[in-house]
């Protein structure tokens, strides 16, 4: 079966009176397929947009929600009348529903497939003298292919890495070792870093606004290096990137990208700005190195993914309260995260809703909130009326950060430990100065690995990083952190180290593989 590229607004005029050889051998008149689509640079751009498009499919059951709920930052939450699926989603207790993580698996492999289709057809396009544009599209596609692979590998462990579209004989391919997958990730990101332009992603005036840049590629390379080398105990990134090279990449972003921290942490998010009296920095702010771009153009059309569908899951259950818009109450925040912030740390109130402290008059029982802790997501939560004339479930407009400059600074601090401790300290101090609203390093702490990891928790809470930072420190550290949030009753839990921190594969994928893929340990 041919892989059809949708072309809207065209009505089929074919009448199949007979099935002649002439009809069989001619290209379709009303459909564009791979064999006849990729001809012009404009066609290449459409193919590239299709690869980016998968980023917008973050929603219920995606990596952001599932990994935060698995960590010590959140409980499962949602409603008392909802199914027990969300209770099991809490703290890695995926027991009866092995499809909970299917959106992660499905969407990322669709993204990989689309990237491979484009890459395999670049030579079919008439580029003329504009070979630089071809290289740019190749670099963007390889960045996105690496991003999707990396997300899968951090969630599931060993996966099936794909550097080409599969033939029928390869449909039952087995999973490969982490080294094989991360070698492909590293090679793709190196190509992207070496070939993408140095435009600042956050400058709306530039022609590539919102697209990946070399800075995003270098930052993601550093992130992949840190996860792979710490979780698997390796000295380099699958034989492709050494530690010295990783340091060079991340330091380049710090020193030369033009990215910086915004002055007010709360200004990075709509809800945080509204509650803390900050001026919203906007989606084109200087701290955004890479993000999922959204808009409200879908206007209640469930067939489109233009709007942010994630927000409604973690927003306040039961209605609009204060500046916050209605949602489903997923991922109630643990008191342990709230209490982890030091006195005067502005990030706490910009990150977490304190229902009592903010005087919201919220009645958890009346609103059917399960696992109510008194705390909820503020980062990325809906604000009242955000959807405009659209649907509040699917037409929210705020972007989701995938890489902030503060994350880059913390990765630079970690990577430079032991070789450039002064620079590591400077990077860490920049984060803490902003957090406490000072410039004199009066809240400085020594740049040790333990302090950097703690700072990552506080700075990047509810942004999809905590789970991976836990498991790369080992199962003992992960178990201690997660089990510390067990409070009995509906909050009772015990982390299971036999899983090695990997999520359950969608059981449907295990079954259709005919034995080529086996379920992860512990599931």
Protein backbone atom coordinates (compact mmCIF):
# COMPACT_ATOMS: atom_id res chain seq x y z
CA UNK A 1 0.00 0.00 0.00
CA UNK A 2 1.34 3.43 -0.90
CA UNK A 3 1.96 5.98 1.82
CA UNK A 4 -0.45 8.77 1.00
CA UNK A 5 0.32 12.41 1.68
CA UNK A 6 -2.97 14.17 2.32
CA UNK A 7 -3.94 16.96 -0.02
CA UNK A 8 -7.05 18.74 1.21
CA UNK A 9 -9.66 20.31 -1.01
CA UNK A 10 -9.32 17.83 -3.86
CA UNK A 11 -12.27 15.66 -4.82
CA UNK A 12 -11.70 12.39 -6.61
CA UNK A 13 -13.05 12.40 -10.14
CA UNK A 14 -11.92 8.93 -11.06
CA UNK A 15 -14.58 6.51 -12.23
CA UNK A 16 -13.34 2.94 -12.24
CA UNK A 17 -15.11 1.55 -15.28
CA UNK A 18 -12.43 -1.00 -15.96
CA UNK A 19 -9.03 -1.89 -14.54
CA UNK A 20 -6.74 -1.39 -17.53
CA UNK A 21 -2.97 -1.65 -17.63
CA UNK A 22 -2.90 2.04 -18.51
CA UNK A 23 -4.74 2.92 -15.30
CA UNK A 24 -2.56 0.69 -13.15
CA UNK A 25 0.72 2.13 -14.39
CA UNK A 26 -0.23 5.81 -14.23
CA UNK A 27 0.39 7.96 -11.17
CA UNK A 28 -2.72 8.75 -9.11
CA UNK A 29 -4.49 11.87 -10.33
CA UNK A 30 -6.02 12.95 -7.04
CA UNK A 31 -3.54 11.74 -4.48
CA UNK A 32 0.06 12.59 -3.96
CA UNK A 33 2.18 9.66 -2.86
CA UNK A 34 5.87 9.39 -2.07
CA UNK A 35 6.68 8.29 -5.60
CA UNK A 36 5.29 11.48 -7.18
CA UNK A 37 5.30 14.04 -4.37
CA UNK A 38 8.89 15.07 -3.69
CA UNK A 39 9.81 17.26 -6.67
CA UNK A 40 10.34 20.83 -5.46
CA UNK A 41 11.84 22.53 -2.38
CA UNK A 42 8.28 23.45 -1.42
CA UNK A 43 7.44 19.74 -1.34
CA UNK A 44 10.46 19.21 0.89
CA UNK A 45 9.20 21.89 3.27
CA UNK A 46 5.80 20.21 3.48
CA UNK A 47 7.50 16.93 4.32
CA UNK A 48 9.58 18.66 7.00
CA UNK A 49 6.50 20.32 8.51
CA UNK A 50 4.97 16.84 8.79
CA UNK A 51 7.96 15.74 10.90
CA UNK A 52 7.61 18.75 13.20
CA UNK A 53 3.86 18.21 13.41
CA UNK A 54 4.21 15.17 15.69
CA UNK A 55 5.61 17.37 18.45
CA UNK A 56 2.17 18.93 18.88
CA UNK A 57 0.58 15.61 19.79
CA UNK A 58 1.54 15.89 23.45
CA UNK A 59 -1.50 15.17 25.58
CA UNK A 60 -3.09 12.54 27.79
CA UNK A 61 -0.73 9.61 28.29
CA UNK A 62 2.26 11.41 26.78
CA UNK A 63 5.82 11.59 28.08
CA UNK A 64 5.33 14.80 30.07
CA UNK A 65 2.35 13.61 32.07
CA UNK A 66 3.43 10.00 32.54
CA UNK A 67 7.00 10.72 33.62
CA UNK A 68 6.07 13.47 36.08
CA UNK A 69 3.40 11.28 37.67
CA UNK A 70 5.89 8.41 37.91
CA UNK A 71 8.36 10.66 39.75
CA UNK A 72 8.33 12.08 43.25
CA UNK A 73 6.89 15.36 41.97
CA UNK A 74 3.30 14.24 41.47
CA UNK A 75 0.58 11.75 42.32
CA UNK A 76 -1.86 10.42 39.73
CA UNK A 77 -4.76 12.70 40.58
CA UNK A 78 -7.64 13.27 38.13
CA UNK A 79 -11.22 12.65 39.31
CA UNK A 80 -12.80 10.38 41.89
CA UNK A 81 -15.23 9.17 39.24
CA UNK A 82 -12.49 8.41 36.71
CA UNK A 83 -11.19 4.91 36.06
CA UNK A 84 -8.43 3.37 38.15
CA UNK A 85 -6.06 3.75 35.21
CA UNK A 86 -4.83 7.07 36.59
CA UNK A 87 -4.28 5.60 40.05
CA UNK A 88 -2.06 2.96 38.46
CA UNK A 89 -0.32 5.63 36.40
CA UNK A 90 0.80 7.05 39.74
CA UNK A 91 4.22 5.97 40.91
CA UNK A 92 4.92 3.48 38.20
CA UNK A 93 2.09 1.14 39.15
CA UNK A 94 1.13 0.36 35.55
CA UNK A 95 -0.41 -3.04 36.21
CA UNK A 96 -3.70 -3.81 34.48
CA UNK A 97 -3.45 -1.44 31.51
CA UNK A 98 -0.32 -2.09 29.50
CA UNK A 99 -1.39 0.44 26.86
CA UNK A 100 -0.91 3.47 29.13
CA UNK A 101 2.27 4.45 27.38
CA UNK A 102 1.08 3.78 23.85
CA UNK A 103 0.84 7.50 22.89
CA UNK A 104 4.56 7.88 23.54
CA UNK A 105 5.48 4.82 21.48
CA UNK A 106 3.06 5.53 18.65
CA UNK A 107 3.67 9.24 18.20
CA UNK A 108 7.45 9.06 18.38
CA UNK A 109 7.62 6.23 15.86
CA UNK A 110 5.34 8.18 13.53
CA UNK A 111 7.76 11.08 13.85
CA UNK A 112 10.72 8.81 13.09
CA UNK A 113 8.91 7.35 10.09
CA UNK A 114 8.11 10.78 8.68
CA UNK A 115 11.71 11.90 9.16
CA UNK A 116 12.97 8.83 7.31
CA UNK A 117 10.52 9.35 4.44
CA UNK A 118 11.79 12.90 3.97
CA UNK A 119 15.45 11.92 4.26
CA UNK A 120 15.06 9.15 1.69
CA UNK A 121 13.44 11.56 -0.79
CA UNK A 122 15.74 14.56 -0.54
CA UNK A 123 17.65 13.48 -3.63
CA UNK A 124 14.42 13.38 -5.65
CA UNK A 125 13.93 17.12 -5.20
CA UNK A 126 15.23 19.61 -7.77
CA UNK A 127 17.24 21.91 -5.52
CA UNK A 128 18.94 23.81 -8.31
CA UNK A 129 21.80 25.82 -6.88
CA UNK A 130 20.26 25.95 -3.41
CA UNK A 131 22.16 23.02 -1.95
CA UNK A 132 22.35 24.82 1.40
CA UNK A 133 18.58 24.48 1.75
CA UNK A 134 18.84 20.74 1.17
CA UNK A 135 21.46 20.49 3.90
CA UNK A 136 19.29 22.52 6.26
CA UNK A 137 16.28 20.25 5.73
CA UNK A 138 18.44 17.18 6.21
CA UNK A 139 19.85 18.59 9.44
CA UNK A 140 16.40 19.50 10.80
CA UNK A 141 15.00 16.07 9.93
CA UNK A 142 17.94 14.33 11.58
CA UNK A 143 17.58 16.46 14.70
CA UNK A 144 13.92 15.53 14.98
CA UNK A 145 14.65 11.85 14.30
CA UNK A 146 17.20 11.94 17.11
CA UNK A 147 14.76 13.74 19.41
CA UNK A 148 12.06 11.10 18.89
CA UNK A 149 14.54 8.24 19.32
CA UNK A 150 15.93 9.82 22.49
CA UNK A 151 12.48 10.23 24.01
CA UNK A 152 11.67 6.59 23.32
CA UNK A 153 15.03 5.36 24.65
CA UNK A 154 14.74 7.33 27.89
CA UNK A 155 11.24 6.01 28.53
CA UNK A 156 11.48 2.37 27.37
CA UNK A 157 15.19 1.50 27.43
CA UNK A 158 16.09 -0.76 24.50
CA UNK A 159 14.03 0.14 21.44
CA UNK A 160 14.04 -0.52 17.68
CA UNK A 161 16.20 2.25 16.18
CA UNK A 162 15.25 3.09 12.62
CA UNK A 163 17.51 4.93 10.18
CA UNK A 164 15.31 4.04 7.20
CA UNK A 165 11.72 3.15 6.40
CA UNK A 166 11.06 -0.52 7.00
CA UNK A 167 10.53 -3.08 4.30
CA UNK A 168 7.90 -5.77 4.77
CA UNK A 169 10.62 -8.23 5.78
CA UNK A 170 11.65 -5.91 8.64
CA UNK A 171 8.24 -5.41 10.26
CA UNK A 172 9.15 -7.76 13.10
CA UNK A 173 12.53 -6.25 13.89
CA UNK A 174 13.86 -6.86 17.42
CA UNK A 175 14.97 -4.21 19.85
CA UNK A 176 18.64 -3.23 19.77
CA UNK A 177 21.07 -2.45 22.54
CA UNK A 178 21.26 1.06 23.93
CA UNK A 179 24.64 1.53 22.27
CA UNK A 180 23.14 1.02 18.80
CA UNK A 181 20.30 3.46 19.43
CA UNK A 182 22.48 6.13 21.02
CA UNK A 183 25.04 5.86 18.24
CA UNK A 184 22.31 6.84 15.77
CA UNK A 185 21.10 9.62 18.09
CA UNK A 186 24.62 11.00 18.47
CA UNK A 187 25.39 10.87 14.75
CA UNK A 188 22.15 12.63 13.88
CA UNK A 189 22.68 15.35 16.46
CA UNK A 190 26.29 15.90 15.41
CA UNK A 191 25.16 16.36 11.83
CA UNK A 192 22.50 18.81 12.98
CA UNK A 193 24.91 20.75 15.20
CA UNK A 194 27.47 20.99 12.40
CA UNK A 195 25.02 22.00 9.69
CA UNK A 196 22.23 24.06 11.23
CA UNK A 197 22.49 27.82 11.32
CA UNK A 198 23.32 29.83 14.42
CA UNK A 199 20.06 31.80 14.37
CA UNK A 200 18.65 32.36 17.83
CA UNK A 201 15.50 30.24 18.09
CA UNK A 202 13.76 32.90 20.17
CA UNK A 203 14.05 35.82 17.75
CA UNK A 204 10.64 36.24 16.05
CA UNK A 205 12.12 38.44 13.33
CA UNK A 206 14.34 35.75 11.86
CA UNK A 207 13.11 33.60 8.99
CA UNK A 208 13.65 30.36 10.92
CA UNK A 209 11.77 31.42 14.05
CA UNK A 210 10.42 28.35 15.83
CA UNK A 211 12.65 25.87 14.00
CA UNK A 212 15.53 23.93 15.48
CA UNK A 213 18.96 25.54 15.48
CA UNK A 214 22.52 24.39 16.14
CA UNK A 215 22.04 25.54 19.74
CA UNK A 216 19.16 23.12 20.25
CA UNK A 217 21.24 20.33 18.67
CA UNK A 218 24.24 21.05 20.89
CA UNK A 219 22.01 21.22 23.96
CA UNK A 220 20.29 17.95 23.16
CA UNK A 221 23.66 16.31 22.52
CA UNK A 222 24.72 17.31 26.03
CA UNK A 223 21.49 15.90 27.46
CA UNK A 224 21.88 12.61 25.58
CA UNK A 225 25.52 12.37 26.69
CA UNK A 226 24.65 12.88 30.36
CA UNK A 227 21.81 10.38 30.37
CA UNK A 228 23.63 7.66 28.45
CA UNK A 229 26.93 7.91 30.31
CA UNK A 230 25.39 8.12 33.79
CA UNK A 231 22.62 5.54 33.41
CA UNK A 232 24.76 3.01 31.55
CA UNK A 233 28.08 3.88 33.22
CA UNK A 234 29.88 4.68 29.98
CA UNK A 235 32.75 7.08 29.34
CA UNK A 236 31.44 8.48 26.06
CA UNK A 237 28.27 8.68 23.99
CA UNK A 238 28.24 5.38 22.11
CA UNK A 239 31.71 5.94 20.73
CA UNK A 240 30.59 9.05 18.85
CA UNK A 241 30.91 11.95 21.33
CA UNK A 242 33.59 12.15 24.02
CA UNK A 243 33.15 14.05 27.26
CA UNK A 244 35.48 16.80 26.04
CA UNK A 245 33.33 17.19 22.94
CA UNK A 246 30.14 17.24 25.00
CA UNK A 247 31.65 20.00 27.15
CA UNK A 248 32.59 21.96 24.04
CA UNK A 249 29.06 21.67 22.70
CA UNK A 250 27.27 22.74 25.88
CA UNK A 251 29.74 25.55 26.61
CA UNK A 252 29.20 26.84 23.09
CA UNK A 253 25.49 27.24 23.82
CA UNK A 254 26.23 29.01 27.11
CA UNK A 255 28.80 31.40 25.66
CA UNK A 256 27.77 32.01 22.06
CA UNK A 257 24.07 31.28 21.45
CA UNK A 258 22.65 34.62 22.53
CA UNK A 259 20.20 32.78 24.77
CA UNK A 260 19.90 33.99 28.35
CA UNK A 261 17.75 33.74 31.45
CA UNK A 262 14.70 35.99 31.60
CA UNK A 263 14.77 38.23 34.66
CA UNK A 264 11.64 36.88 36.35
CA UNK A 265 11.17 33.10 36.55
CA UNK A 266 7.38 33.45 36.86
CA UNK A 267 7.20 35.33 33.55
CA UNK A 268 8.00 32.15 31.62
CA UNK A 269 4.43 30.77 31.90
CA UNK A 270 0.98 32.29 31.48
CA UNK A 271 -0.52 30.98 34.72
CA UNK A 272 2.59 31.77 36.74
CA UNK A 273 2.65 35.30 35.36
CA UNK A 274 -1.03 35.82 36.11
CA UNK A 275 -0.79 34.61 39.71
CA UNK A 276 2.53 36.25 40.59
CA UNK A 277 1.92 39.64 38.99
CA UNK A 278 4.69 39.17 36.43
CA UNK A 279 4.69 40.41 32.86
CA UNK A 280 4.48 37.37 30.62
CA UNK A 281 7.77 37.02 28.74
CA UNK A 282 6.03 35.57 25.69
CA UNK A 283 6.75 32.49 23.65
CA UNK A 284 9.62 34.19 21.83
CA UNK A 285 11.55 34.84 25.02
CA UNK A 286 15.32 34.52 25.11
CA UNK A 287 15.28 31.49 27.42
CA UNK A 288 13.50 29.20 24.95
CA UNK A 289 16.07 27.10 23.10
CA UNK A 290 13.51 24.61 21.76
CA UNK A 291 9.76 24.29 22.35
CA UNK A 292 6.56 22.78 21.01
CA UNK A 293 4.81 25.58 19.16
CA UNK A 294 1.02 25.87 19.48
CA UNK A 295 -1.73 28.19 18.32
CA UNK A 296 -5.51 28.29 18.52
CA UNK A 297 -6.20 28.01 14.81
CA UNK A 298 -7.83 24.60 15.20
CA UNK A 299 -10.93 26.33 16.58
CA UNK A 300 -12.53 23.24 18.16
CA UNK A 301 -11.52 20.93 15.31
CA UNK A 302 -10.49 17.63 16.92
CA UNK A 303 -8.90 16.49 13.66
CA UNK A 304 -6.19 19.13 14.03
CA UNK A 305 -3.41 19.34 16.61
CA UNK A 306 -2.69 23.05 16.43
CA UNK A 307 -3.63 23.74 20.05
CA UNK A 308 -2.11 22.58 23.33
CA UNK A 309 -4.03 19.46 24.45
CA UNK A 310 -1.80 18.74 27.41
CA UNK A 311 -2.83 21.65 29.60
CA UNK A 312 -6.36 20.51 30.34
CA UNK A 313 -5.07 17.32 31.95
CA UNK A 314 -3.20 19.05 34.78
CA UNK A 315 -5.34 22.15 35.25
CA UNK A 316 -7.71 22.76 38.17
CA UNK A 317 -10.56 20.29 38.34
CA UNK A 318 -14.11 21.57 38.61
CA UNK A 319 -14.05 25.02 37.02
CA UNK A 320 -12.20 28.31 36.85
CA UNK A 321 -10.62 29.37 40.14
CA UNK A 322 -8.83 32.70 40.41
CA UNK A 323 -6.72 33.16 37.27
CA UNK A 324 -6.67 29.42 36.57
CA UNK A 325 -8.79 27.75 33.91
CA UNK A 326 -10.74 24.54 34.28
CA UNK A 327 -9.11 21.17 33.70
CA UNK A 328 -9.16 17.55 34.83
CA UNK A 329 -6.93 17.73 37.93
CA UNK A 330 -4.27 15.24 36.88
CA UNK A 331 -0.86 15.04 38.52
CA UNK A 332 -1.58 16.56 41.93
CA UNK A 333 1.70 17.88 43.31
CA UNK A 334 3.35 16.22 46.29
CA UNK A 335 3.91 18.23 49.49
CA UNK A 336 7.51 16.99 49.30
CA UNK A 337 8.12 19.01 46.15
CA UNK A 338 6.44 22.09 47.60
CA UNK A 339 8.54 21.85 50.76
CA UNK A 340 11.78 21.24 48.86
CA UNK A 341 12.09 24.94 47.99
CA UNK A 342 14.02 27.17 50.37
CA UNK A 343 12.58 30.28 51.96
CA UNK A 344 12.59 33.11 49.45
CA UNK A 345 12.90 30.86 46.39
CA UNK A 346 10.51 32.50 43.90
CA UNK A 347 10.30 29.32 41.84
CA UNK A 348 8.02 27.57 44.34
CA UNK A 349 5.05 29.88 43.88
CA UNK A 350 5.68 30.13 40.14
CA UNK A 351 5.69 26.34 39.81
CA UNK A 352 2.97 25.13 42.19
CA UNK A 353 -0.59 26.23 42.98
CA UNK A 354 -1.16 26.45 46.73
CA UNK A 355 -4.95 26.20 46.91
CA UNK A 356 -5.19 27.30 50.55
CA UNK A 357 -2.35 29.80 50.54
CA UNK A 358 -3.73 31.55 47.47
CA UNK A 359 -7.22 31.73 48.97
CA UNK A 360 -8.93 29.98 46.08
CA UNK A 361 -11.72 28.51 48.20
CA UNK A 362 -11.30 25.16 46.51
CA UNK A 363 -13.42 22.24 47.74
CA UNK A 364 -11.77 19.04 46.57
CA UNK A 365 -14.70 16.78 47.49
CA UNK A 366 -17.28 18.97 45.77
CA UNK A 367 -15.14 19.09 42.63
CA UNK A 368 -14.38 15.36 42.64
CA UNK A 369 -10.60 15.75 42.91
CA UNK A 370 -8.77 12.51 43.61
CA UNK A 371 -5.53 12.45 45.63
CA UNK A 372 -5.94 16.08 46.68
CA UNK A 373 -2.81 17.40 48.37
CA UNK A 374 -3.56 21.09 48.46
CA UNK A 375 -1.11 21.60 45.60
CA UNK A 376 -1.40 21.54 41.81
CA UNK A 377 0.51 22.37 38.63
CA UNK A 378 0.97 26.04 37.92
CA UNK A 379 3.64 25.81 35.22
CA UNK A 380 1.78 25.21 32.01
CA UNK A 381 -1.70 25.25 33.58
CA UNK A 382 -4.60 26.83 31.73
CA UNK A 383 -5.62 30.38 32.42
CA UNK A 384 -9.31 31.21 32.32
CA UNK A 385 -10.49 31.83 28.76
CA UNK A 386 -7.18 30.85 27.14
CA UNK A 387 -8.96 28.89 24.41
CA UNK A 388 -10.71 32.01 23.06
CA UNK A 389 -13.59 30.91 20.85
CA UNK A 390 -12.25 27.36 20.64
CA UNK A 391 -12.57 24.28 22.83
CA UNK A 392 -10.92 24.53 26.24
CA UNK A 393 -9.68 20.94 25.88
CA UNK A 394 -7.76 21.32 22.64
CA UNK A 395 -7.31 24.99 21.71
CA UNK A 396 -5.01 26.33 24.40
CA UNK A 397 -2.20 28.31 22.88
CA UNK A 398 0.80 28.27 25.22
CA UNK A 399 3.95 26.51 24.02
CA UNK A 400 5.64 23.71 25.97
CA UNK A 401 9.36 24.17 26.59
CA UNK A 402 11.49 21.24 25.50
CA UNK A 403 14.83 22.89 26.29
CA UNK A 404 15.29 26.06 28.33
CA UNK A 405 18.56 27.93 28.70
CA UNK A 406 18.46 27.26 32.44
CA UNK A 407 18.64 23.53 31.66
CA UNK A 408 21.65 24.22 29.46
CA UNK A 409 23.35 26.07 32.33
CA UNK A 410 22.74 23.18 34.71
CA UNK A 411 24.04 20.65 32.19
CA UNK A 412 27.12 22.85 31.72
CA UNK A 413 27.63 22.94 35.48
CA UNK A 414 27.43 19.15 35.67
CA UNK A 415 29.68 18.47 32.70
CA UNK A 416 32.35 20.97 33.77
CA UNK A 417 32.70 19.54 37.26
CA UNK A 418 36.27 18.42 37.85
CA UNK A 419 37.70 20.17 34.81
CA UNK A 420 36.46 23.74 35.08
CA UNK A 421 34.93 24.09 38.52
CA UNK A 422 34.90 27.89 38.35
CA UNK A 423 32.72 27.83 35.24
CA UNK A 424 30.49 25.16 36.79
CA UNK A 425 30.01 27.38 39.84
CA UNK A 426 29.21 30.40 37.69
CA UNK A 427 26.53 28.47 35.79
CA UNK A 428 24.94 27.25 39.01
CA UNK A 429 25.07 30.73 40.58
CA UNK A 430 23.24 32.24 37.62
CA UNK A 431 20.34 29.89 38.26
CA UNK A 432 20.17 30.56 41.99
CA UNK A 433 20.58 34.31 41.65
CA UNK A 434 17.51 34.45 39.44
CA UNK A 435 15.58 32.13 41.75
CA UNK A 436 16.16 34.38 44.78
CA UNK A 437 16.02 37.71 42.94
CA UNK A 438 19.63 38.69 43.69
CA UNK A 439 22.80 39.35 41.72
CA UNK A 440 25.43 38.99 44.43
CA UNK A 441 25.61 35.19 44.75
CA UNK A 442 24.26 35.53 48.30
CA UNK A 443 22.34 32.27 47.87
CA UNK A 444 25.21 30.37 46.29
CA UNK A 445 25.80 26.73 47.14
CA UNK A 446 28.91 24.75 46.19
CA UNK A 447 28.86 23.29 42.68
CA UNK A 448 28.73 19.63 43.66
CA UNK A 449 26.88 16.92 41.79
CA UNK A 450 24.36 16.58 44.62
CA UNK A 451 23.62 20.30 44.63
CA UNK A 452 23.33 20.44 40.86
CA UNK A 453 20.89 17.52 40.81
CA UNK A 454 18.81 19.17 43.54
CA UNK A 455 18.82 22.42 41.57
CA UNK A 456 17.60 20.57 38.51
CA UNK A 457 14.64 19.30 40.51
CA UNK A 458 13.72 22.79 41.70
CA UNK A 459 14.35 24.61 38.44
CA UNK A 460 12.85 22.04 36.05
CA UNK A 461 10.02 20.64 38.19
CA UNK A 462 6.94 19.66 36.15
CA UNK A 463 8.84 19.97 32.86
CA UNK A 464 9.46 16.28 32.20
CA UNK A 465 13.04 15.97 33.45
CA UNK A 466 12.76 14.69 37.03
CA UNK A 467 12.12 11.00 36.28
CA UNK A 468 15.15 10.75 34.02
CA UNK A 469 17.36 12.59 36.51
CA UNK A 470 16.27 10.09 39.16
CA UNK A 471 16.84 6.87 37.22
CA UNK A 472 20.23 7.95 35.89
CA UNK A 473 21.34 8.16 39.52
CA UNK A 474 20.40 4.51 40.05
CA UNK A 475 17.53 2.48 41.44
CA UNK A 476 18.49 3.08 45.08
CA UNK A 477 18.22 6.84 44.67
CA UNK A 478 15.01 6.50 42.66
CA UNK A 479 13.37 4.21 45.23
CA UNK A 480 14.33 6.48 48.13
CA UNK A 481 12.87 9.55 46.43
CA UNK A 482 9.64 7.94 45.25
CA UNK A 483 8.97 5.93 48.41
CA UNK A 484 9.44 9.03 50.54
CA UNK A 485 6.19 10.37 49.10
CA UNK A 486 4.16 7.36 50.25
CA UNK A 487 1.62 8.62 52.79
CA UNK A 488 -0.63 5.59 53.11
CA UNK A 489 -4.21 5.23 51.93
CA UNK A 490 -4.70 6.48 48.39
CA UNK A 491 -1.13 7.80 48.50
CA UNK A 492 0.46 4.43 49.34
CA UNK A 493 3.11 3.23 46.91
CA UNK A 494 6.33 1.29 46.58
CA UNK A 495 8.77 1.74 43.73
CA UNK A 496 9.73 -1.52 42.02
CA UNK A 497 13.46 -1.50 41.19
CA UNK A 498 13.12 -4.65 39.06
CA UNK A 499 11.73 -2.40 36.31
CA UNK A 500 15.11 -0.64 36.12
CA UNK A 501 13.13 2.57 35.72
CA UNK A 502 11.80 1.66 32.26
CA UNK A 503 8.12 2.04 31.44
CA UNK A 504 5.98 -0.86 30.28
CA UNK A 505 5.93 -1.32 26.53
CA UNK A 506 2.47 -1.13 24.95
CA UNK A 507 1.35 -4.75 25.18
CA UNK A 508 -0.20 -4.52 21.73
CA UNK A 509 3.28 -3.93 20.27
CA UNK A 510 4.66 -6.94 22.08
CA UNK A 511 1.88 -9.13 20.70
CA UNK A 512 2.10 -8.01 17.06
CA UNK A 513 5.87 -8.52 17.04
CA UNK A 514 5.40 -12.31 17.12
CA UNK A 515 8.06 -12.70 19.77
CA UNK A 516 10.60 -10.27 18.31
CA UNK A 517 9.88 -7.84 21.14
CA UNK A 518 9.48 -8.91 24.77
CA UNK A 519 7.98 -6.91 27.60
CA UNK A 520 10.33 -4.92 29.84
CA UNK A 521 11.47 -6.48 33.12
CA UNK A 522 9.03 -6.15 35.97
CA UNK A 523 5.97 -5.78 33.79
